[in-house]
Amino acid sequence: MTKDQSAELLIITTSFESLEDAKKMAHQLLEAHLAACVQIQDGVHSIYRWEGKICEANEVMLSAKTVADKWVDVSNFIKSHHPYDLPEVIAYVPEKYEVLYGKWVQAEVK
């Protein structure tokens, strides 16, 4: 792992109503060099409160691998291109990761 926090890896997640929307976002993030790798998981069952009601929906989760200094750019990109009014945009910092994988992610988003 690198000690440079701006190059620290991030996993940014968001959810979509459809696989097609998630794939579209994945391609956009990769083409813009905002992410090195995007994984999509279909079949997520979400239960949440929205506008005072408890809702349930089948969703698709997208996880994008990037670096910390891309957080603002990725977050803004997702918010401006996402079909939801208020998309979930959450970032996780992996405590540990394989060094060569980290270097690959850094190279892909620089």
PDB file of N, CA and C in Angstrom:
ATOM      1  N   MET A   1       0.842  -1.184   0.000  1.00  0.00           N
ATOM      2  CA  MET A   1       0.000   0.000   0.000  1.00  0.00           C
ATOM      3  C   MET A   1       0.884   1.242   0.000  1.00  0.00           C
ATOM      4  N   THR A   2       0.429   2.243  -0.647  1.00  0.00           N
ATOM      5  CA  THR A   2       1.171   3.487  -0.692  1.00  0.00           C
ATOM      6  C   THR A   2       0.809   4.369   0.499  1.00  0.00           C
ATOM      7  N   LYS A   3       1.738   5.215   0.910  1.00  0.00           N
ATOM      8  CA  LYS A   3       1.464   6.129   2.016  1.00  0.00           C
ATOM      9  C   LYS A   3       0.846   7.431   1.522  1.00  0.00           C
ATOM     10  N   ASP A   4       0.882   7.653   0.210  1.00  0.00           N
ATOM     11  CA  ASP A   4       0.298   8.841  -0.389  1.00  0.00           C
ATOM     12  C   ASP A   4      -1.226   8.710  -0.367  1.00  0.00           C
ATOM     13  N   GLN A   5      -1.884   9.504   0.485  1.00  0.00           N
ATOM     14  CA  GLN A   5      -3.328   9.344   0.643  1.00  0.00           C
ATOM     15  C   GLN A   5      -4.112   9.738  -0.601  1.00  0.00           C
ATOM     16  N   SER A   6      -3.575  10.610  -1.444  1.00  0.00           N
ATOM     17  CA  SER A   6      -4.296  10.976  -2.669  1.00  0.00           C
ATOM     18  C   SER A   6      -4.335   9.810  -3.641  1.00  0.00           C
ATOM     19  N   ALA A   7      -3.355   8.885  -3.521  1.00  0.00           N
ATOM     20  CA  ALA A   7      -3.301   7.714  -4.391  1.00  0.00           C
ATOM     21  C   ALA A   7      -3.910   6.488  -3.719  1.00  0.00           C
ATOM     22  N   GLU A   8      -4.466   6.671  -2.523  1.00  0.00           N
ATOM     23  CA  GLU A   8      -5.100   5.584  -1.791  1.00  0.00           C
ATOM     24  C   GLU A   8      -6.297   5.068  -2.587  1.00  0.00           C
ATOM     25  N   LEU A   9      -6.481   3.753  -2.591  1.00  0.00           N
ATOM     26  CA  LEU A   9      -7.596   3.185  -3.341  1.00  0.00           C
ATOM     27  C   LEU A   9      -8.936   3.504  -2.694  1.00  0.00           C
ATOM     28  N   LEU A  10      -9.945   3.663  -3.531  1.00  0.00           N
ATOM     29  CA  LEU A  10     -11.329   3.832  -3.102  1.00  0.00           C
ATOM     30  C   LEU A  10     -12.188   2.845  -3.872  1.00  0.00           C
ATOM     31  N   ILE A  11     -13.211   2.352  -3.210  1.00  0.00           N
ATOM     32  CA  ILE A  11     -14.258   1.592  -3.867  1.00  0.00           C
ATOM     33  C   ILE A  11     -15.522   2.422  -3.709  1.00  0.00           C
ATOM     34  N   ILE A  12     -16.049   2.896  -4.816  1.00  0.00           N
ATOM     35  CA  ILE A  12     -17.230   3.761  -4.785  1.00  0.00           C
ATOM     36  C   ILE A  12     -18.420   2.952  -5.276  1.00  0.00           C
ATOM     37  N   THR A  13     -19.496   2.953  -4.480  1.00  0.00           N
ATOM     38  CA  THR A  13     -20.678   2.180  -4.842  1.00  0.00           C
ATOM     39  C   THR A  13     -21.878   3.087  -5.101  1.00  0.00           C
ATOM     40  N   THR A  14     -22.729   2.600  -5.972  1.00  0.00           N
ATOM     41  CA  THR A  14     -24.006   3.244  -6.245  1.00  0.00           C
ATOM     42  C   THR A  14     -24.955   2.160  -6.736  1.00  0.00           C
ATOM     43  N   SER A  15     -26.239   2.439  -6.735  1.00  0.00           N
ATOM     44  CA  SER A  15     -27.212   1.435  -7.160  1.00  0.00           C
ATOM     45  C   SER A  15     -28.081   1.989  -8.285  1.00  0.00           C
ATOM     46  N   PHE A  16     -28.627   1.056  -9.080  1.00  0.00           N
ATOM     47  CA  PHE A  16     -29.447   1.408 -10.230  1.00  0.00           C
ATOM     48  C   PHE A  16     -30.688   0.533 -10.280  1.00  0.00           C
ATOM     49  N   GLU A  17     -31.686   1.019 -10.983  1.00  0.00           N
ATOM     50  CA  GLU A  17     -32.913   0.257 -11.189  1.00  0.00           C
ATOM     51  C   GLU A  17     -32.715  -0.853 -12.221  1.00  0.00           C
ATOM     52  N   SER A  18     -31.808  -0.633 -13.175  1.00  0.00           N
ATOM     53  CA  SER A  18     -31.654  -1.617 -14.255  1.00  0.00           C
ATOM     54  C   SER A  18     -30.190  -1.931 -14.528  1.00  0.00           C
ATOM     55  N   LEU A  19     -29.968  -3.130 -15.053  1.00  0.00           N
ATOM     56  CA  LEU A  19     -28.636  -3.554 -15.469  1.00  0.00           C
ATOM     57  C   LEU A  19     -28.120  -2.659 -16.589  1.00  0.00           C
ATOM     58  N   GLU A  20     -28.981  -2.251 -17.485  1.00  0.00           N
ATOM     59  CA  GLU A  20     -28.583  -1.397 -18.596  1.00  0.00           C
ATOM     60  C   GLU A  20     -28.040  -0.061 -18.099  1.00  0.00           C
ATOM     61  N   ASP A  21     -28.709   0.542 -17.102  1.00  0.00           N
ATOM     62  CA  ASP A  21     -28.227   1.812 -16.547  1.00  0.00           C
ATOM     63  C   ASP A  21     -26.871   1.627 -15.868  1.00  0.00           C
ATOM     64  N   ALA A  22     -26.693   0.533 -15.151  1.00  0.00           N
ATOM     65  CA  ALA A  22     -25.425   0.269 -14.478  1.00  0.00           C
ATOM     66  C   ALA A  22     -24.297   0.064 -15.487  1.00  0.00           C
ATOM     67  N   LYS A  23     -24.581  -0.686 -16.548  1.00  0.00           N
ATOM     68  CA  LYS A  23     -23.564  -0.906 -17.591  1.00  0.00           C
ATOM     69  C   LYS A  23     -23.189   0.407 -18.279  1.00  0.00           C
ATOM     70  N   LYS A  24     -24.186   1.230 -18.535  1.00  0.00           N
ATOM     71  CA  LYS A  24     -23.922   2.524 -19.167  1.00  0.00           C
ATOM     72  C   LYS A  24     -22.984   3.356 -18.294  1.00  0.00           C
ATOM     73  N   MET A  25     -23.272   3.414 -16.996  1.00  0.00           N
ATOM     74  CA  MET A  25     -22.432   4.171 -16.072  1.00  0.00           C
ATOM     75  C   MET A  25     -21.034   3.563 -16.004  1.00  0.00           C
ATOM     76  N   ALA A  26     -20.927   2.248 -15.984  1.00  0.00           N
ATOM     77  CA  ALA A  26     -19.618   1.582 -15.933  1.00  0.00           C
ATOM     78  C   ALA A  26     -18.767   2.004 -17.119  1.00  0.00           C
ATOM     79  N   HIS A  27     -19.344   1.945 -18.303  1.00  0.00           N
ATOM     80  CA  HIS A  27     -18.602   2.336 -19.502  1.00  0.00           C
ATOM     81  C   HIS A  27     -18.200   3.807 -19.459  1.00  0.00           C
ATOM     82  N   GLN A  28     -19.093   4.663 -18.996  1.00  0.00           N
ATOM     83  CA  GLN A  28     -18.783   6.094 -18.914  1.00  0.00           C
ATOM     84  C   GLN A  28     -17.637   6.361 -17.944  1.00  0.00           C
ATOM     85  N   LEU A  29     -17.654   5.703 -16.783  1.00  0.00           N
ATOM     86  CA  LEU A  29     -16.583   5.892 -15.795  1.00  0.00           C
ATOM     87  C   LEU A  29     -15.233   5.423 -16.337  1.00  0.00           C
ATOM     88  N   LEU A  30     -15.237   4.291 -17.041  1.00  0.00           N
ATOM     89  CA  LEU A  30     -13.992   3.764 -17.608  1.00  0.00           C
ATOM     90  C   LEU A  30     -13.492   4.655 -18.751  1.00  0.00           C
ATOM     91  N   GLU A  31     -14.385   5.075 -19.638  1.00  0.00           N
ATOM     92  CA  GLU A  31     -13.986   5.920 -20.761  1.00  0.00           C
ATOM     93  C   GLU A  31     -13.427   7.263 -20.298  1.00  0.00           C
ATOM     94  N   ALA A  32     -13.937   7.778 -19.175  1.00  0.00           N
ATOM     95  CA  ALA A  32     -13.470   9.056 -18.620  1.00  0.00           C
ATOM     96  C   ALA A  32     -12.240   8.884 -17.724  1.00  0.00           C
ATOM     97  N   HIS A  33     -11.729   7.671 -17.603  1.00  0.00           N
ATOM     98  CA  HIS A  33     -10.578   7.357 -16.735  1.00  0.00           C
ATOM     99  C   HIS A  33     -10.830   7.760 -15.281  1.00  0.00           C
ATOM    100  N   LEU A  34     -12.085   7.647 -14.860  1.00  0.00           N
ATOM    101  CA  LEU A  34     -12.440   7.908 -13.461  1.00  0.00           C
ATOM    102  C   LEU A  34     -12.382   6.638 -12.630  1.00  0.00           C
ATOM    103  N   ALA A  35     -12.398   5.492 -13.287  1.00  0.00           N
ATOM    104  CA  ALA A  35     -12.306   4.195 -12.610  1.00  0.00           C
ATOM    105  C   ALA A  35     -11.437   3.270 -13.445  1.00  0.00           C
ATOM    106  N   ALA A  36     -10.762   2.345 -12.762  1.00  0.00           N
ATOM    107  CA  ALA A  36      -9.929   1.351 -13.445  1.00  0.00           C
ATOM    108  C   ALA A  36     -10.709   0.072 -13.700  1.00  0.00           C
ATOM    109  N   CYS A  37     -11.663  -0.205 -12.836  1.00  0.00           N
ATOM    110  CA  CYS A  37     -12.437  -1.438 -12.908  1.00  0.00           C
ATOM    111  C   CYS A  37     -13.802  -1.160 -12.293  1.00  0.00           C
ATOM    112  N   VAL A  38     -14.829  -1.711 -12.916  1.00  0.00           N
ATOM    113  CA  VAL A  38     -16.183  -1.570 -12.380  1.00  0.00           C
ATOM    114  C   VAL A  38     -16.813  -2.948 -12.338  1.00  0.00           C
ATOM    115  N   GLN A  39     -17.379  -3.285 -11.202  1.00  0.00           N
ATOM    116  CA  GLN A  39     -18.100  -4.546 -11.064  1.00  0.00           C
ATOM    117  C   GLN A  39     -19.571  -4.246 -10.838  1.00  0.00           C
ATOM    118  N   ILE A  40     -20.401  -5.092 -11.428  1.00  0.00           N
ATOM    119  CA  ILE A  40     -21.848  -4.914 -11.347  1.00  0.00           C
ATOM    120  C   ILE A  40     -22.451  -6.179 -10.771  1.00  0.00           C
ATOM    121  N   GLN A  41     -23.291  -5.997  -9.774  1.00  0.00           N
ATOM    122  CA  GLN A  41     -23.964  -7.136  -9.136  1.00  0.00           C
ATOM    123  C   GLN A  41     -25.465  -6.942  -9.258  1.00  0.00           C
ATOM    124  N   ASP A  42     -26.093  -7.826 -10.001  1.00  0.00           N
ATOM    125  CA  ASP A  42     -27.539  -7.783 -10.200  1.00  0.00           C
ATOM    126  C   ASP A  42     -28.223  -8.550  -9.068  1.00  0.00           C
ATOM    127  N   GLY A  43     -29.490  -8.286  -8.846  1.00  0.00           N
ATOM    128  CA  GLY A  43     -30.266  -9.065  -7.883  1.00  0.00           C
ATOM    129  C   GLY A  43     -30.194  -8.585  -6.448  1.00  0.00           C
ATOM    130  N   VAL A  44     -29.908  -7.307  -6.232  1.00  0.00           N
ATOM    131  CA  VAL A  44     -29.878  -6.742  -4.881  1.00  0.00           C
ATOM    132  C   VAL A  44     -31.297  -6.319  -4.518  1.00  0.00           C
ATOM    133  N   HIS A  45     -31.758  -6.739  -3.362  1.00  0.00           N
ATOM    134  CA  HIS A  45     -33.097  -6.351  -2.914  1.00  0.00           C
ATOM    135  C   HIS A  45     -32.946  -5.240  -1.881  1.00  0.00           C
ATOM    136  N   SER A  46     -33.438  -4.066  -2.199  1.00  0.00           N
ATOM    137  CA  SER A  46     -33.300  -2.901  -1.330  1.00  0.00           C
ATOM    138  C   SER A  46     -34.625  -2.577  -0.650  1.00  0.00           C
ATOM    139  N   ILE A  47     -34.541  -2.249   0.636  1.00  0.00           N
ATOM    140  CA  ILE A  47     -35.694  -1.772   1.403  1.00  0.00           C
ATOM    141  C   ILE A  47     -35.260  -0.445   2.014  1.00  0.00           C
ATOM    142  N   TYR A  48     -36.026   0.610   1.765  1.00  0.00           N
ATOM    143  CA  TYR A  48     -35.601   1.945   2.166  1.00  0.00           C
ATOM    144  C   TYR A  48     -36.821   2.837   2.387  1.00  0.00           C
ATOM    145  N   ARG A  49     -36.591   3.942   3.074  1.00  0.00           N
ATOM    146  CA  ARG A  49     -37.638   4.932   3.262  1.00  0.00           C
ATOM    147  C   ARG A  49     -37.405   6.049   2.253  1.00  0.00           C
ATOM    148  N   TRP A  50     -38.437   6.384   1.475  1.00  0.00           N
ATOM    149  CA  TRP A  50     -38.342   7.467   0.498  1.00  0.00           C
ATOM    150  C   TRP A  50     -39.626   8.267   0.534  1.00  0.00           C
ATOM    151  N   GLU A  51     -39.488   9.561   0.767  1.00  0.00           N
ATOM    152  CA  GLU A  51     -40.610  10.486   0.830  1.00  0.00           C
ATOM    153  C   GLU A  51     -41.689   9.998   1.792  1.00  0.00           C
ATOM    154  N   GLY A  52     -41.245   9.515   2.954  1.00  0.00           N
ATOM    155  CA  GLY A  52     -42.157   9.121   4.027  1.00  0.00           C
ATOM    156  C   GLY A  52     -42.727   7.726   3.919  1.00  0.00           C
ATOM    157  N   LYS A  53     -42.393   6.979   2.863  1.00  0.00           N
ATOM    158  CA  LYS A  53     -42.924   5.627   2.691  1.00  0.00           C
ATOM    159  C   LYS A  53     -41.789   4.609   2.697  1.00  0.00           C
ATOM    160  N   ILE A  54     -42.090   3.426   3.202  1.00  0.00           N
ATOM    161  CA  ILE A  54     -41.126   2.329   3.113  1.00  0.00           C
ATOM    162  C   ILE A  54     -41.322   1.666   1.758  1.00  0.00           C
ATOM    163  N   CYS A  55     -40.230   1.565   1.018  1.00  0.00           N
ATOM    164  CA  CYS A  55     -40.258   1.039  -0.348  1.00  0.00           C
ATOM    165  C   CYS A  55     -39.372  -0.193  -0.450  1.00  0.00           C
ATOM    166  N   GLU A  56     -39.651  -1.034  -1.422  1.00  0.00           N
ATOM    167  CA  GLU A  56     -38.822  -2.179  -1.748  1.00  0.00           C
ATOM    168  C   GLU A  56     -38.595  -2.186  -3.244  1.00  0.00           C
ATOM    169  N   ALA A  57     -37.378  -2.545  -3.637  1.00  0.00           N
ATOM    170  CA  ALA A  57     -37.051  -2.581  -5.065  1.00  0.00           C
ATOM    171  C   ALA A  57     -35.907  -3.549  -5.321  1.00  0.00           C
ATOM    172  N   ASN A  58     -35.923  -4.164  -6.484  1.00  0.00           N
ATOM    173  CA  ASN A  58     -34.770  -4.924  -6.947  1.00  0.00           C
ATOM    174  C   ASN A  58     -33.847  -3.933  -7.636  1.00  0.00           C
ATOM    175  N   GLU A  59     -32.582  -3.966  -7.253  1.00  0.00           N
ATOM    176  CA  GLU A  59     -31.621  -3.019  -7.804  1.00  0.00           C
ATOM    177  C   GLU A  59     -30.363  -3.747  -8.264  1.00  0.00           C
ATOM    178  N   VAL A  60     -29.504  -2.981  -8.908  1.00  0.00           N
ATOM    179  CA  VAL A  60     -28.218  -3.454  -9.388  1.00  0.00           C
ATOM    180  C   VAL A  60     -27.157  -2.590  -8.712  1.00  0.00           C
ATOM    181  N   MET A  61     -26.160  -3.225  -8.085  1.00  0.00           N
ATOM    182  CA  MET A  61     -25.083  -2.489  -7.418  1.00  0.00           C
ATOM    183  C   MET A  61     -23.885  -2.358  -8.345  1.00  0.00           C
ATOM    184  N   LEU A  62     -23.316  -1.171  -8.379  1.00  0.00           N
ATOM    185  CA  LEU A  62     -22.115  -0.903  -9.142  1.00  0.00           C
ATOM    186  C   LEU A  62     -21.012  -0.537  -8.163  1.00  0.00           C
ATOM    187  N   SER A  63     -19.849  -1.140  -8.309  1.00  0.00           N
ATOM    188  CA  SER A  63     -18.669  -0.827  -7.489  1.00  0.00           C
ATOM    189  C   SER A  63     -17.544  -0.421  -8.416  1.00  0.00           C
ATOM    190  N   ALA A  64     -17.047   0.796  -8.255  1.00  0.00           N
ATOM    191  CA  ALA A  64     -15.977   1.315  -9.103  1.00  0.00           C
ATOM    192  C   ALA A  64     -14.695   1.442  -8.283  1.00  0.00           C
ATOM    193  N   LYS A  65     -13.600   0.916  -8.850  1.00  0.00           N
ATOM    194  CA  LYS A  65     -12.296   1.021  -8.194  1.00  0.00           C
ATOM    195  C   LYS A  65     -11.573   2.231  -8.755  1.00  0.00           C
ATOM    196  N   THR A  66     -11.122   3.120  -7.858  1.00  0.00           N
ATOM    197  CA  THR A  66     -10.444   4.345  -8.252  1.00  0.00           C
ATOM    198  C   THR A  66      -9.473   4.744  -7.140  1.00  0.00           C
ATOM    199  N   VAL A  67      -9.016   5.998  -7.162  1.00  0.00           N
ATOM    200  CA  VAL A  67      -8.120   6.505  -6.120  1.00  0.00           C
ATOM    201  C   VAL A  67      -8.773   7.700  -5.428  1.00  0.00           C
ATOM    202  N   ALA A  68      -8.288   7.985  -4.224  1.00  0.00           N
ATOM    203  CA  ALA A  68      -8.910   9.004  -3.378  1.00  0.00           C
ATOM    204  C   ALA A  68      -8.971  10.378  -4.032  1.00  0.00           C
ATOM    205  N   ASP A  69      -7.947  10.748  -4.801  1.00  0.00           N
ATOM    206  CA  ASP A  69      -7.990  12.087  -5.388  1.00  0.00           C
ATOM    207  C   ASP A  69      -8.991  12.215  -6.538  1.00  0.00           C
ATOM    208  N   LYS A  70      -9.660  11.117  -6.887  1.00  0.00           N
ATOM    209  CA  LYS A  70     -10.735  11.154  -7.894  1.00  0.00           C
ATOM    210  C   LYS A  70     -12.123  11.197  -7.255  1.00  0.00           C
ATOM    211  N   TRP A  71     -12.197  11.187  -5.924  1.00  0.00           N
ATOM    212  CA  TRP A  71     -13.491  11.119  -5.227  1.00  0.00           C
ATOM    213  C   TRP A  71     -14.473  12.186  -5.700  1.00  0.00           C
ATOM    214  N   VAL A  72     -14.051  13.436  -5.692  1.00  0.00           N
ATOM    215  CA  VAL A  72     -14.955  14.536  -6.052  1.00  0.00           C
ATOM    216  C   VAL A  72     -15.403  14.389  -7.506  1.00  0.00           C
ATOM    217  N   ASP A  73     -14.467  14.081  -8.393  1.00  0.00           N
ATOM    218  CA  ASP A  73     -14.811  13.932  -9.813  1.00  0.00           C
ATOM    219  C   ASP A  73     -15.791  12.781 -10.038  1.00  0.00           C
ATOM    220  N   VAL A  74     -15.528  11.639  -9.404  1.00  0.00           N
ATOM    221  CA  VAL A  74     -16.405  10.476  -9.586  1.00  0.00           C
ATOM    222  C   VAL A  74     -17.781  10.746  -8.976  1.00  0.00           C
ATOM    223  N   SER A  75     -17.793  11.293  -7.780  1.00  0.00           N
ATOM    224  CA  SER A  75     -19.059  11.600  -7.111  1.00  0.00           C
ATOM    225  C   SER A  75     -19.904  12.559  -7.953  1.00  0.00           C
ATOM    226  N   ASN A  76     -19.290  13.624  -8.426  1.00  0.00           N
ATOM    227  CA  ASN A  76     -20.017  14.599  -9.255  1.00  0.00           C
ATOM    228  C   ASN A  76     -20.483  13.975 -10.565  1.00  0.00           C
ATOM    229  N   PHE A  77     -19.640  13.129 -11.180  1.00  0.00           N
ATOM    230  CA  PHE A  77     -20.008  12.472 -12.429  1.00  0.00           C
ATOM    231  C   PHE A  77     -21.221  11.579 -12.231  1.00  0.00           C
ATOM    232  N   ILE A  78     -21.184  10.764 -11.172  1.00  0.00           N
ATOM    233  CA  ILE A  78     -22.317   9.867 -10.899  1.00  0.00           C
ATOM    234  C   ILE A  78     -23.590  10.683 -10.669  1.00  0.00           C
ATOM    235  N   LYS A  79     -23.503  11.705  -9.818  1.00  0.00           N
ATOM    236  CA  LYS A  79     -24.697  12.512  -9.522  1.00  0.00           C
ATOM    237  C   LYS A  79     -25.274  13.172 -10.776  1.00  0.00           C
ATOM    238  N   SER A  80     -24.401  13.617 -11.688  1.00  0.00           N
ATOM    239  CA  SER A  80     -24.899  14.324 -12.867  1.00  0.00           C
ATOM    240  C   SER A  80     -25.372  13.382 -13.980  1.00  0.00           C
ATOM    241  N   HIS A  81     -24.986  12.104 -13.949  1.00  0.00           N
ATOM    242  CA  HIS A  81     -25.367  11.163 -15.008  1.00  0.00           C
ATOM    243  C   HIS A  81     -26.308  10.057 -14.522  1.00  0.00           C
ATOM    244  N   HIS A  82     -26.669  10.082 -13.268  1.00  0.00           N
ATOM    245  CA  HIS A  82     -27.479   9.010 -12.673  1.00  0.00           C
ATOM    246  C   HIS A  82     -28.965   9.275 -12.900  1.00  0.00           C
ATOM    247  N   PRO A  83     -29.744   8.234 -13.180  1.00  0.00           N
ATOM    248  CA  PRO A  83     -31.187   8.442 -13.389  1.00  0.00           C
ATOM    249  C   PRO A  83     -31.966   8.723 -12.103  1.00  0.00           C
ATOM    250  N   TYR A  84     -31.427   8.389 -10.926  1.00  0.00           N
ATOM    251  CA  TYR A  84     -32.147   8.650  -9.669  1.00  0.00           C
ATOM    252  C   TYR A  84     -32.048  10.131  -9.292  1.00  0.00           C
ATOM    253  N   ASP A  85     -33.079  10.643  -8.626  1.00  0.00           N
ATOM    254  CA  ASP A  85     -33.052  12.016  -8.113  1.00  0.00           C
ATOM    255  C   ASP A  85     -31.966  12.188  -7.056  1.00  0.00           C
ATOM    256  N   LEU A  86     -31.802  11.179  -6.201  1.00  0.00           N
ATOM    257  CA  LEU A  86     -30.802  11.210  -5.130  1.00  0.00           C
ATOM    258  C   LEU A  86     -30.055   9.878  -5.118  1.00  0.00           C
ATOM    259  N   PRO A  87     -29.026   9.757  -5.954  1.00  0.00           N
ATOM    260  CA  PRO A  87     -28.317   8.472  -6.002  1.00  0.00           C
ATOM    261  C   PRO A  87     -27.454   8.251  -4.769  1.00  0.00           C
ATOM    262  N   GLU A  88     -27.369   6.992  -4.399  1.00  0.00           N
ATOM    263  CA  GLU A  88     -26.426   6.577  -3.370  1.00  0.00           C
ATOM    264  C   GLU A  88     -25.030   6.689  -3.973  1.00  0.00           C
ATOM    265  N   VAL A  89     -24.137   7.396  -3.298  1.00  0.00           N
ATOM    266  CA  VAL A  89     -22.736   7.458  -3.718  1.00  0.00           C
ATOM    267  C   VAL A  89     -21.912   7.339  -2.440  1.00  0.00           C
ATOM    268  N   ILE A  90     -21.346   6.163  -2.223  1.00  0.00           N
ATOM    269  CA  ILE A  90     -20.612   5.880  -0.993  1.00  0.00           C
ATOM    270  C   ILE A  90     -19.232   5.361  -1.362  1.00  0.00           C
ATOM    271  N   ALA A  91     -18.214   5.845  -0.650  1.00  0.00           N
ATOM    272  CA  ALA A  91     -16.849   5.385  -0.908  1.00  0.00           C
ATOM    273  C   ALA A  91     -16.314   4.637   0.308  1.00  0.00           C
ATOM    274  N   TYR A  92     -15.599   3.563   0.012  1.00  0.00           N
ATOM    275  CA  TYR A  92     -14.918   2.771   1.032  1.00  0.00           C
ATOM    276  C   TYR A  92     -13.427   2.793   0.726  1.00  0.00           C
ATOM    277  N   VAL A  93     -12.619   2.879   1.780  1.00  0.00           N
ATOM    278  CA  VAL A  93     -11.177   2.783   1.638  1.00  0.00           C
ATOM    279  C   VAL A  93     -10.770   1.395   2.116  1.00  0.00           C
ATOM    280  N   PRO A  94     -10.273   0.549   1.196  1.00  0.00           N
ATOM    281  CA  PRO A  94      -9.837  -0.767   1.645  1.00  0.00           C
ATOM    282  C   PRO A  94      -8.633  -0.624   2.573  1.00  0.00           C
ATOM    283  N   GLU A  95      -8.678  -1.323   3.678  1.00  0.00           N
ATOM    284  CA  GLU A  95      -7.582  -1.251   4.643  1.00  0.00           C
ATOM    285  C   GLU A  95      -6.298  -1.807   4.044  1.00  0.00           C
ATOM    286  N   LYS A  96      -6.436  -2.867   3.272  1.00  0.00           N
ATOM    287  CA  LYS A  96      -5.279  -3.496   2.636  1.00  0.00           C
ATOM    288  C   LYS A  96      -5.655  -3.916   1.229  1.00  0.00           C
ATOM    289  N   TYR A  97      -4.680  -3.911   0.364  1.00  0.00           N
ATOM    290  CA  TYR A  97      -4.874  -4.401  -0.993  1.00  0.00           C
ATOM    291  C   TYR A  97      -3.505  -4.783  -1.555  1.00  0.00           C
ATOM    292  N   GLU A  98      -3.526  -5.615  -2.571  1.00  0.00           N
ATOM    293  CA  GLU A  98      -2.294  -6.084  -3.185  1.00  0.00           C
ATOM    294  C   GLU A  98      -1.611  -4.913  -3.885  1.00  0.00           C
ATOM    295  N   VAL A  99      -0.325  -4.721  -3.638  1.00  0.00           N
ATOM    296  CA  VAL A  99       0.417  -3.550  -4.107  1.00  0.00           C
ATOM    297  C   VAL A  99       0.355  -3.387  -5.627  1.00  0.00           C
ATOM    298  N   LEU A 100       0.583  -4.454  -6.371  1.00  0.00           N
ATOM    299  CA  LEU A 100       0.570  -4.333  -7.831  1.00  0.00           C
ATOM    300  C   LEU A 100      -0.816  -3.979  -8.356  1.00  0.00           C
ATOM    301  N   TYR A 101      -1.868  -4.494  -7.714  1.00  0.00           N
ATOM    302  CA  TYR A 101      -3.229  -4.113  -8.107  1.00  0.00           C
ATOM    303  C   TYR A 101      -3.423  -2.617  -7.870  1.00  0.00           C
ATOM    304  N   GLY A 102      -2.987  -2.121  -6.722  1.00  0.00           N
ATOM    305  CA  GLY A 102      -3.098  -0.697  -6.417  1.00  0.00           C
ATOM    306  C   GLY A 102      -2.384   0.174  -7.434  1.00  0.00           C
ATOM    307  N   LYS A 103      -1.196  -0.253  -7.846  1.00  0.00           N
ATOM    308  CA  LYS A 103      -0.443   0.498  -8.854  1.00  0.00           C
ATOM    309  C   LYS A 103      -1.159   0.485 -10.203  1.00  0.00           C
ATOM    310  N   TRP A 104      -1.784  -0.651 -10.530  1.00  0.00           N
ATOM    311  CA  TRP A 104      -2.538  -0.737 -11.778  1.00  0.00           C
ATOM    312  C   TRP A 104      -3.718   0.237 -11.761  1.00  0.00           C
ATOM    313  N   VAL A 105      -4.468   0.264 -10.649  1.00  0.00           N
ATOM    314  CA  VAL A 105      -5.605   1.189 -10.540  1.00  0.00           C
ATOM    315  C   VAL A 105      -5.110   2.623 -10.708  1.00  0.00           C
ATOM    316  N   GLN A 106      -4.038   2.972  -9.997  1.00  0.00           N
ATOM    317  CA  GLN A 106      -3.492   4.328 -10.093  1.00  0.00           C
ATOM    318  C   GLN A 106      -3.124   4.684 -11.527  1.00  0.00           C
ATOM    319  N   ALA A 107      -2.480   3.759 -12.220  1.00  0.00           N
ATOM    320  CA  ALA A 107      -2.062   4.020 -13.608  1.00  0.00           C
ATOM    321  C   ALA A 107      -3.261   4.195 -14.538  1.00  0.00           C
ATOM    322  N   GLU A 108      -4.329   3.456 -14.295  1.00  0.00           N
ATOM    323  CA  GLU A 108      -5.509   3.519 -15.169  1.00  0.00           C
ATOM    324  C   GLU A 108      -6.312   4.801 -15.007  1.00  0.00           C
ATOM    325  N   VAL A 109      -6.239   5.438 -13.852  1.00  0.00           N
ATOM    326  CA  VAL A 109      -7.047   6.647 -13.622  1.00  0.00           C
ATOM    327  C   VAL A 109      -6.235   7.928 -13.681  1.00  0.00           C
ATOM    328  N   LYS A 110      -4.968   7.836 -13.900  1.00  0.00           N
ATOM    329  CA  LYS A 110      -4.127   9.055 -13.987  1.00  0.00           C
ATOM    330  C   LYS A 110      -4.104   9.601 -15.390  1.00  0.00           C
TER     331      LYS A 110
END
